Every structure is written in structure tokens, then in C-alpha cells.
Amino acid sequence: MTRISQVEDRGAVVAWSPIYSHADVIALGTKDSGGVGFDDYGGELELCDMKITCPEGSQPTPQVIGSIKTTTRFSSLGW
């Protein structure tokens, strides 16, 4: 299997954007605190541009384009 792209250091549930003009965007809802600390019991919702429609031969790095903290962690995610 070929890896399209990878987001480092995330334990998350994923949902791809259903919008054709933003097909490179995914939503990530964190499932764990990621080693942040004992006081962190919430989660985070992030939107990432995976840049998979960039020209062939390039290896673009995924970019976080938005995020928000939540009071709970995610077990599933729907766009």
C-alpha cells in the first residue's frame, strides 16, 4: 500500500472533506491527550490540508489550517 501523506504525533479519528473543491482537507479529532499532561482531559479538533493534489514528484508536508480545543475526546467523527 502506498502512503499518500502522514500527520505526525496524532492519535485521532479522521473524516475526509466531502467538498470537491477542498478534497485535500481532513478533520482530525484527538482520541488521547498525546502526552500533554495529567491535567489535560479534553480533546482537539483540527482541520489539516493534506496537499495530495500537488504536482507529482513533490512531497508536500500536511499543514494544520485550523484547530479548536474541546472538553471531551473524540471516539468518532463525521463531517
PDB file of N, CA and C in Angstrom:
ATOM      1  N   MET A   1       0.835  -1.169   0.000  1.00  0.00           N
ATOM      2  CA  MET A   1       0.000   0.000   0.000  1.00  0.00           C
ATOM      3  C   MET A   1       0.888   1.243   0.000  1.00  0.00           C
ATOM      4  N   THR A   2       0.530   2.209  -0.789  1.00  0.00           N
ATOM      5  CA  THR A   2       1.268   3.453  -0.873  1.00  0.00           C
ATOM      6  C   THR A   2       0.725   4.439   0.145  1.00  0.00           C
ATOM      7  N   ARG A   3       1.627   5.081   0.855  1.00  0.00           N
ATOM      8  CA  ARG A   3       1.233   6.106   1.810  1.00  0.00           C
ATOM      9  C   ARG A   3       1.095   7.420   1.071  1.00  0.00           C
ATOM     10  N   ILE A   4      -0.069   8.047   1.164  1.00  0.00           N
ATOM     11  CA  ILE A   4      -0.301   9.328   0.498  1.00  0.00           C
ATOM     12  C   ILE A   4       0.406  10.434   1.264  1.00  0.00           C
ATOM     13  N   SER A   5       0.152  10.501   2.540  1.00  0.00           N
ATOM     14  CA  SER A   5       0.733  11.524   3.398  1.00  0.00           C
ATOM     15  C   SER A   5       0.539  11.085   4.837  1.00  0.00           C
ATOM     16  N   GLN A   6       1.216  11.729   5.759  1.00  0.00           N
ATOM     17  CA  GLN A   6       1.143  11.336   7.148  1.00  0.00           C
ATOM     18  C   GLN A   6       1.169  12.563   8.041  1.00  0.00           C
ATOM     19  N   VAL A   7       0.320  12.554   9.065  1.00  0.00           N
ATOM     20  CA  VAL A   7       0.329  13.597  10.076  1.00  0.00           C
ATOM     21  C   VAL A   7       1.013  12.995  11.284  1.00  0.00           C
ATOM     22  N   GLU A   8       2.104  13.596  11.719  1.00  0.00           N
ATOM     23  CA  GLU A   8       2.910  13.060  12.818  1.00  0.00           C
ATOM     24  C   GLU A   8       2.270  13.310  14.181  1.00  0.00           C
ATOM     25  N   ASP A   9       2.527  12.392  15.119  1.00  0.00           N
ATOM     26  CA  ASP A   9       2.187  12.558  16.529  1.00  0.00           C
ATOM     27  C   ASP A   9       0.716  12.840  16.792  1.00  0.00           C
ATOM     28  N   ARG A  10      -0.174  12.113  16.144  1.00  0.00           N
ATOM     29  CA  ARG A  10      -1.594  12.301  16.380  1.00  0.00           C
ATOM     30  C   ARG A  10      -2.261  10.943  16.588  1.00  0.00           C
ATOM     31  N   GLY A  11      -2.979  10.799  17.711  1.00  0.00           N
ATOM     32  CA  GLY A  11      -3.874   9.670  17.912  1.00  0.00           C
ATOM     33  C   GLY A  11      -5.265  10.214  17.690  1.00  0.00           C
ATOM     34  N   ALA A  12      -5.835  10.008  16.499  1.00  0.00           N
ATOM     35  CA  ALA A  12      -7.063  10.720  16.154  1.00  0.00           C
ATOM     36  C   ALA A  12      -7.991   9.887  15.282  1.00  0.00           C
ATOM     37  N   VAL A  13      -9.253  10.267  15.299  1.00  0.00           N
ATOM     38  CA  VAL A  13     -10.225   9.759  14.341  1.00  0.00           C
ATOM     39  C   VAL A  13     -10.223  10.742  13.171  1.00  0.00           C
ATOM     40  N   VAL A  14     -10.544  10.261  11.970  1.00  0.00           N
ATOM     41  CA  VAL A  14     -10.376  11.057  10.761  1.00  0.00           C
ATOM     42  C   VAL A  14     -11.662  11.085   9.948  1.00  0.00           C
ATOM     43  N   ALA A  15     -11.932  12.234   9.326  1.00  0.00           N
ATOM     44  CA  ALA A  15     -13.027  12.365   8.357  1.00  0.00           C
ATOM     45  C   ALA A  15     -12.527  13.232   7.204  1.00  0.00           C
ATOM     46  N   TRP A  16     -12.648  12.708   5.965  1.00  0.00           N
ATOM     47  CA  TRP A  16     -12.252  13.469   4.778  1.00  0.00           C
ATOM     48  C   TRP A  16     -13.329  14.476   4.421  1.00  0.00           C
ATOM     49  N   SER A  17     -12.929  15.605   3.869  1.00  0.00           N
ATOM     50  CA  SER A  17     -13.875  16.632   3.441  1.00  0.00           C
ATOM     51  C   SER A  17     -14.734  16.101   2.295  1.00  0.00           C
ATOM     52  N   PRO A  18     -16.061  16.286   2.383  1.00  0.00           N
ATOM     53  CA  PRO A  18     -16.934  15.858   1.288  1.00  0.00           C
ATOM     54  C   PRO A  18     -17.044  16.907   0.180  1.00  0.00           C
ATOM     55  N   ILE A  19     -16.387  18.049   0.342  1.00  0.00           N
ATOM     56  CA  ILE A  19     -16.476  19.149  -0.608  1.00  0.00           C
ATOM     57  C   ILE A  19     -15.408  18.981  -1.687  1.00  0.00           C
ATOM     58  N   TYR A  20     -15.820  18.888  -2.932  1.00  0.00           N
ATOM     59  CA  TYR A  20     -14.909  18.612  -4.038  1.00  0.00           C
ATOM     60  C   TYR A  20     -13.768  19.623  -4.119  1.00  0.00           C
ATOM     61  N   SER A  21     -14.069  20.896  -3.924  1.00  0.00           N
ATOM     62  CA  SER A  21     -13.036  21.925  -4.037  1.00  0.00           C
ATOM     63  C   SER A  21     -12.057  21.912  -2.863  1.00  0.00           C
ATOM     64  N   HIS A  22     -12.364  21.161  -1.809  1.00  0.00           N
ATOM     65  CA  HIS A  22     -11.486  21.041  -0.640  1.00  0.00           C
ATOM     66  C   HIS A  22     -11.215  19.565  -0.332  1.00  0.00           C
ATOM     67  N   ALA A  23     -11.011  18.774  -1.367  1.00  0.00           N
ATOM     68  CA  ALA A  23     -10.823  17.330  -1.201  1.00  0.00           C
ATOM     69  C   ALA A  23      -9.536  16.969  -0.463  1.00  0.00           C
ATOM     70  N   ASP A  24      -8.603  17.910  -0.335  1.00  0.00           N
ATOM     71  CA  ASP A  24      -7.343  17.665   0.368  1.00  0.00           C
ATOM     72  C   ASP A  24      -7.465  17.841   1.885  1.00  0.00           C
ATOM     73  N   VAL A  25      -8.609  18.318   2.355  1.00  0.00           N
ATOM     74  CA  VAL A  25      -8.769  18.658   3.771  1.00  0.00           C
ATOM     75  C   VAL A  25      -9.356  17.480   4.541  1.00  0.00           C
ATOM     76  N   ILE A  26      -8.769  17.220   5.718  1.00  0.00           N
ATOM     77  CA  ILE A  26      -9.317  16.220   6.631  1.00  0.00           C
ATOM     78  C   ILE A  26      -9.564  16.866   7.985  1.00  0.00           C
ATOM     79  N   ALA A  27     -10.510  16.292   8.710  1.00  0.00           N
ATOM     80  CA  ALA A  27     -10.763  16.705  10.093  1.00  0.00           C
ATOM     81  C   ALA A  27     -10.178  15.618  10.989  1.00  0.00           C
ATOM     82  N   LEU A  28      -9.436  16.031  12.014  1.00  0.00           N
ATOM     83  CA  LEU A  28      -8.857  15.107  12.983  1.00  0.00           C
ATOM     84  C   LEU A  28      -9.429  15.425  14.354  1.00  0.00           C
ATOM     85  N   GLY A  29     -10.006  14.438  15.007  1.00  0.00           N
ATOM     86  CA  GLY A  29     -10.488  14.591  16.377  1.00  0.00           C
ATOM     87  C   GLY A  29      -9.632  13.728  17.281  1.00  0.00           C
ATOM     88  N   THR A  30      -8.913  14.342  18.214  1.00  0.00           N
ATOM     89  CA  THR A  30      -7.970  13.591  19.034  1.00  0.00           C
ATOM     90  C   THR A  30      -8.684  12.594  19.941  1.00  0.00           C
ATOM     91  N   LYS A  31      -8.052  11.419  20.084  1.00  0.00           N
ATOM     92  CA  LYS A  31      -8.579  10.341  20.909  1.00  0.00           C
ATOM     93  C   LYS A  31      -7.871  10.268  22.248  1.00  0.00           C
ATOM     94  N   ASP A  32      -6.699  10.875  22.353  1.00  0.00           N
ATOM     95  CA  ASP A  32      -5.936  10.840  23.596  1.00  0.00           C
ATOM     96  C   ASP A  32      -5.249  12.179  23.807  1.00  0.00           C
ATOM     97  N   SER A  33      -4.639  12.349  24.959  1.00  0.00           N
ATOM     98  CA  SER A  33      -4.012  13.632  25.277  1.00  0.00           C
ATOM     99  C   SER A  33      -2.674  13.816  24.595  1.00  0.00           C
ATOM    100  N   GLY A  34      -2.125  12.776  24.008  1.00  0.00           N
ATOM    101  CA  GLY A  34      -0.869  12.885  23.278  1.00  0.00           C
ATOM    102  C   GLY A  34       0.315  13.210  24.159  1.00  0.00           C
ATOM    103  N   GLY A  35       0.225  12.826  25.435  1.00  0.00           N
ATOM    104  CA  GLY A  35       1.344  13.066  26.330  1.00  0.00           C
ATOM    105  C   GLY A  35       1.454  14.495  26.820  1.00  0.00           C
ATOM    106  N   VAL A  36       0.360  15.254  26.720  1.00  0.00           N
ATOM    107  CA  VAL A  36       0.394  16.654  27.113  1.00  0.00           C
ATOM    108  C   VAL A  36       0.532  16.799  28.626  1.00  0.00           C
ATOM    109  N   GLY A  37      -0.143  15.956  29.390  1.00  0.00           N
ATOM    110  CA  GLY A  37      -0.042  16.041  30.847  1.00  0.00           C
ATOM    111  C   GLY A  37      -1.240  15.417  31.523  1.00  0.00           C
ATOM    112  N   PHE A  38      -1.146  15.298  32.843  1.00  0.00           N
ATOM    113  CA  PHE A  38      -2.218  14.658  33.595  1.00  0.00           C
ATOM    114  C   PHE A  38      -3.456  15.539  33.711  1.00  0.00           C
ATOM    115  N   ASP A  39      -3.314  16.844  33.588  1.00  0.00           N
ATOM    116  CA  ASP A  39      -4.438  17.755  33.753  1.00  0.00           C
ATOM    117  C   ASP A  39      -5.259  17.920  32.476  1.00  0.00           C
ATOM    118  N   ASP A  40      -4.799  17.399  31.377  1.00  0.00           N
ATOM    119  CA  ASP A  40      -5.487  17.557  30.103  1.00  0.00           C
ATOM    120  C   ASP A  40      -6.468  16.407  29.891  1.00  0.00           C
ATOM    121  N   TYR A  41      -7.753  16.682  30.027  1.00  0.00           N
ATOM    122  CA  TYR A  41      -8.774  15.646  29.838  1.00  0.00           C
ATOM    123  C   TYR A  41      -9.615  15.889  28.595  1.00  0.00           C
ATOM    124  N   GLY A  42      -9.381  16.963  27.893  1.00  0.00           N
ATOM    125  CA  GLY A  42     -10.168  17.284  26.717  1.00  0.00           C
ATOM    126  C   GLY A  42      -9.536  16.769  25.439  1.00  0.00           C
ATOM    127  N   GLY A  43     -10.089  17.208  24.333  1.00  0.00           N
ATOM    128  CA  GLY A  43      -9.579  16.820  23.026  1.00  0.00           C
ATOM    129  C   GLY A  43      -9.345  18.048  22.177  1.00  0.00           C
ATOM    130  N   GLU A  44      -9.088  17.811  20.915  1.00  0.00           N
ATOM    131  CA  GLU A  44      -8.857  18.902  19.984  1.00  0.00           C
ATOM    132  C   GLU A  44      -9.365  18.486  18.613  1.00  0.00           C
ATOM    133  N   LEU A  45     -10.023  19.415  17.938  1.00  0.00           N
ATOM    134  CA  LEU A  45     -10.480  19.199  16.573  1.00  0.00           C
ATOM    135  C   LEU A  45      -9.585  20.034  15.673  1.00  0.00           C
ATOM    136  N   GLU A  46      -8.957  19.375  14.699  1.00  0.00           N
ATOM    137  CA  GLU A  46      -8.059  20.073  13.774  1.00  0.00           C
ATOM    138  C   GLU A  46      -8.507  19.839  12.340  1.00  0.00           C
ATOM    139  N   LEU A  47      -8.332  20.849  11.515  1.00  0.00           N
ATOM    140  CA  LEU A  47      -8.509  20.716  10.073  1.00  0.00           C
ATOM    141  C   LEU A  47      -7.125  20.777   9.452  1.00  0.00           C
ATOM    142  N   CYS A  48      -6.789  19.779   8.639  1.00  0.00           N
ATOM    143  CA  CYS A  48      -5.463  19.696   8.020  1.00  0.00           C
ATOM    144  C   CYS A  48      -5.584  19.634   6.511  1.00  0.00           C
ATOM    145  N   ASP A  49      -4.748  20.387   5.834  1.00  0.00           N
ATOM    146  CA  ASP A  49      -4.630  20.323   4.383  1.00  0.00           C
ATOM    147  C   ASP A  49      -3.548  19.300   4.075  1.00  0.00           C
ATOM    148  N   MET A  50      -3.944  18.171   3.496  1.00  0.00           N
ATOM    149  CA  MET A  50      -3.010  17.085   3.209  1.00  0.00           C
ATOM    150  C   MET A  50      -2.225  17.314   1.926  1.00  0.00           C
ATOM    151  N   LYS A  51      -2.652  18.261   1.092  1.00  0.00           N
ATOM    152  CA  LYS A  51      -1.948  18.659  -0.139  1.00  0.00           C
ATOM    153  C   LYS A  51      -1.671  17.477  -1.067  1.00  0.00           C
ATOM    154  N   ILE A  52      -2.641  16.575  -1.184  1.00  0.00           N
ATOM    155  CA  ILE A  52      -2.431  15.396  -2.033  1.00  0.00           C
ATOM    156  C   ILE A  52      -2.648  15.674  -3.511  1.00  0.00           C
ATOM    157  N   THR A  53      -3.195  16.835  -3.863  1.00  0.00           N
ATOM    158  CA  THR A  53      -3.377  17.167  -5.274  1.00  0.00           C
ATOM    159  C   THR A  53      -2.246  18.033  -5.815  1.00  0.00           C
ATOM    160  N   CYS A  54      -1.159  18.171  -5.055  1.00  0.00           N
ATOM    161  CA  CYS A  54       0.025  18.895  -5.529  1.00  0.00           C
ATOM    162  C   CYS A  54       0.640  18.133  -6.695  1.00  0.00           C
ATOM    163  N   PRO A  55       1.433  18.799  -7.509  1.00  0.00           N
ATOM    164  CA  PRO A  55       2.061  18.127  -8.660  1.00  0.00           C
ATOM    165  C   PRO A  55       2.852  16.891  -8.242  1.00  0.00           C
ATOM    166  N   GLU A  56       2.843  15.889  -9.122  1.00  0.00           N
ATOM    167  CA  GLU A  56       3.584  14.650  -8.845  1.00  0.00           C
ATOM    168  C   GLU A  56       5.068  14.944  -8.680  1.00  0.00           C
ATOM    169  N   GLY A  57       5.701  14.146  -7.851  1.00  0.00           N
ATOM    170  CA  GLY A  57       7.120  14.309  -7.607  1.00  0.00           C
ATOM    171  C   GLY A  57       7.418  15.166  -6.386  1.00  0.00           C
ATOM    172  N   SER A  58       6.465  15.982  -5.983  1.00  0.00           N
ATOM    173  CA  SER A  58       6.690  16.803  -4.787  1.00  0.00           C
ATOM    174  C   SER A  58       6.228  16.031  -3.552  1.00  0.00           C
ATOM    175  N   GLN A  59       6.820  16.294  -2.420  1.00  0.00           N
ATOM    176  CA  GLN A  59       6.459  15.658  -1.152  1.00  0.00           C
ATOM    177  C   GLN A  59       6.023  16.747  -0.171  1.00  0.00           C
ATOM    178  N   PRO A  60       4.835  17.352  -0.392  1.00  0.00           N
ATOM    179  CA  PRO A  60       4.394  18.422   0.499  1.00  0.00           C
ATOM    180  C   PRO A  60       4.080  17.905   1.897  1.00  0.00           C
ATOM    181  N   THR A  61       4.278  18.759   2.876  1.00  0.00           N
ATOM    182  CA  THR A  61       4.006  18.425   4.258  1.00  0.00           C
ATOM    183  C   THR A  61       2.588  18.859   4.602  1.00  0.00           C
ATOM    184  N   PRO A  62       1.798  17.980   5.266  1.00  0.00           N
ATOM    185  CA  PRO A  62       0.461  18.390   5.692  1.00  0.00           C
ATOM    186  C   PRO A  62       0.535  19.622   6.595  1.00  0.00           C
ATOM    187  N   GLN A  63      -0.471  20.491   6.486  1.00  0.00           N
ATOM    188  CA  GLN A  63      -0.473  21.739   7.236  1.00  0.00           C
ATOM    189  C   GLN A  63      -1.780  21.867   8.014  1.00  0.00           C
ATOM    190  N   VAL A  64      -1.686  22.186   9.306  1.00  0.00           N
ATOM    191  CA  VAL A  64      -2.875  22.442  10.117  1.00  0.00           C
ATOM    192  C   VAL A  64      -3.411  23.815   9.719  1.00  0.00           C
ATOM    193  N   ILE A  65      -4.676  23.863   9.279  1.00  0.00           N
ATOM    194  CA  ILE A  65      -5.256  25.132   8.839  1.00  0.00           C
ATOM    195  C   ILE A  65      -6.250  25.690   9.852  1.00  0.00           C
ATOM    196  N   GLY A  66      -6.542  24.922  10.905  1.00  0.00           N
ATOM    197  CA  GLY A  66      -7.416  25.405  11.961  1.00  0.00           C
ATOM    198  C   GLY A  66      -7.538  24.378  13.063  1.00  0.00           C
ATOM    199  N   SER A  67      -7.753  24.840  14.293  1.00  0.00           N
ATOM    200  CA  SER A  67      -7.934  23.918  15.411  1.00  0.00           C
ATOM    201  C   SER A  67      -8.734  24.585  16.515  1.00  0.00           C
ATOM    202  N   ILE A  68      -9.380  23.757  17.325  1.00  0.00           N
ATOM    203  CA  ILE A  68     -10.133  24.245  18.465  1.00  0.00           C
ATOM    204  C   ILE A  68     -10.084  23.185  19.560  1.00  0.00           C
ATOM    205  N   LYS A  69      -9.950  23.619  20.793  1.00  0.00           N
ATOM    206  CA  LYS A  69      -9.943  22.712  21.943  1.00  0.00           C
ATOM    207  C   LYS A  69     -11.379  22.331  22.267  1.00  0.00           C
ATOM    208  N   THR A  70     -11.577  21.100  22.753  1.00  0.00           N
ATOM    209  CA  THR A  70     -12.894  20.629  23.159  1.00  0.00           C
ATOM    210  C   THR A  70     -12.818  20.098  24.587  1.00  0.00           C
ATOM    211  N   THR A  71     -13.962  19.956  25.225  1.00  0.00           N
ATOM    212  CA  THR A  71     -13.978  19.468  26.598  1.00  0.00           C
ATOM    213  C   THR A  71     -13.923  17.957  26.680  1.00  0.00           C
ATOM    214  N   THR A  72     -14.190  17.264  25.582  1.00  0.00           N
ATOM    215  CA  THR A  72     -14.144  15.809  25.562  1.00  0.00           C
ATOM    216  C   THR A  72     -13.301  15.314  24.400  1.00  0.00           C
ATOM    217  N   ARG A  73     -12.879  14.076  24.483  1.00  0.00           N
ATOM    218  CA  ARG A  73     -12.122  13.443  23.403  1.00  0.00           C
ATOM    219  C   ARG A  73     -13.081  12.850  22.390  1.00  0.00           C
ATOM    220  N   PHE A  74     -12.577  12.557  21.212  1.00  0.00           N
ATOM    221  CA  PHE A  74     -13.394  12.016  20.138  1.00  0.00           C
ATOM    222  C   PHE A  74     -13.274  10.498  20.044  1.00  0.00           C
ATOM    223  N   SER A  75     -14.398   9.825  19.844  1.00  0.00           N
ATOM    224  CA  SER A  75     -14.376   8.395  19.576  1.00  0.00           C
ATOM    225  C   SER A  75     -14.823   8.134  18.136  1.00  0.00           C
ATOM    226  N   SER A  76     -15.489   9.110  17.524  1.00  0.00           N
ATOM    227  CA  SER A  76     -15.870   9.043  16.107  1.00  0.00           C
ATOM    228  C   SER A  76     -16.033  10.474  15.601  1.00  0.00           C
ATOM    229  N   LEU A  77     -16.088  10.594  14.296  1.00  0.00           N
ATOM    230  CA  LEU A  77     -16.165  11.931  13.690  1.00  0.00           C
ATOM    231  C   LEU A  77     -16.867  11.830  12.349  1.00  0.00           C
ATOM    232  N   GLY A  78     -17.817  12.697  12.099  1.00  0.00           N
ATOM    233  CA  GLY A  78     -18.498  12.775  10.811  1.00  0.00           C
ATOM    234  C   GLY A  78     -18.443  14.209  10.324  1.00  0.00           C
ATOM    235  N   TRP A  79     -18.266  14.393   9.040  1.00  0.00           N
ATOM    236  CA  TRP A  79     -18.100  15.742   8.507  1.00  0.00           C
ATOM    237  C   TRP A  79     -19.440  16.420   8.434  1.00  0.00           C
TER     238      TRP A  79
END
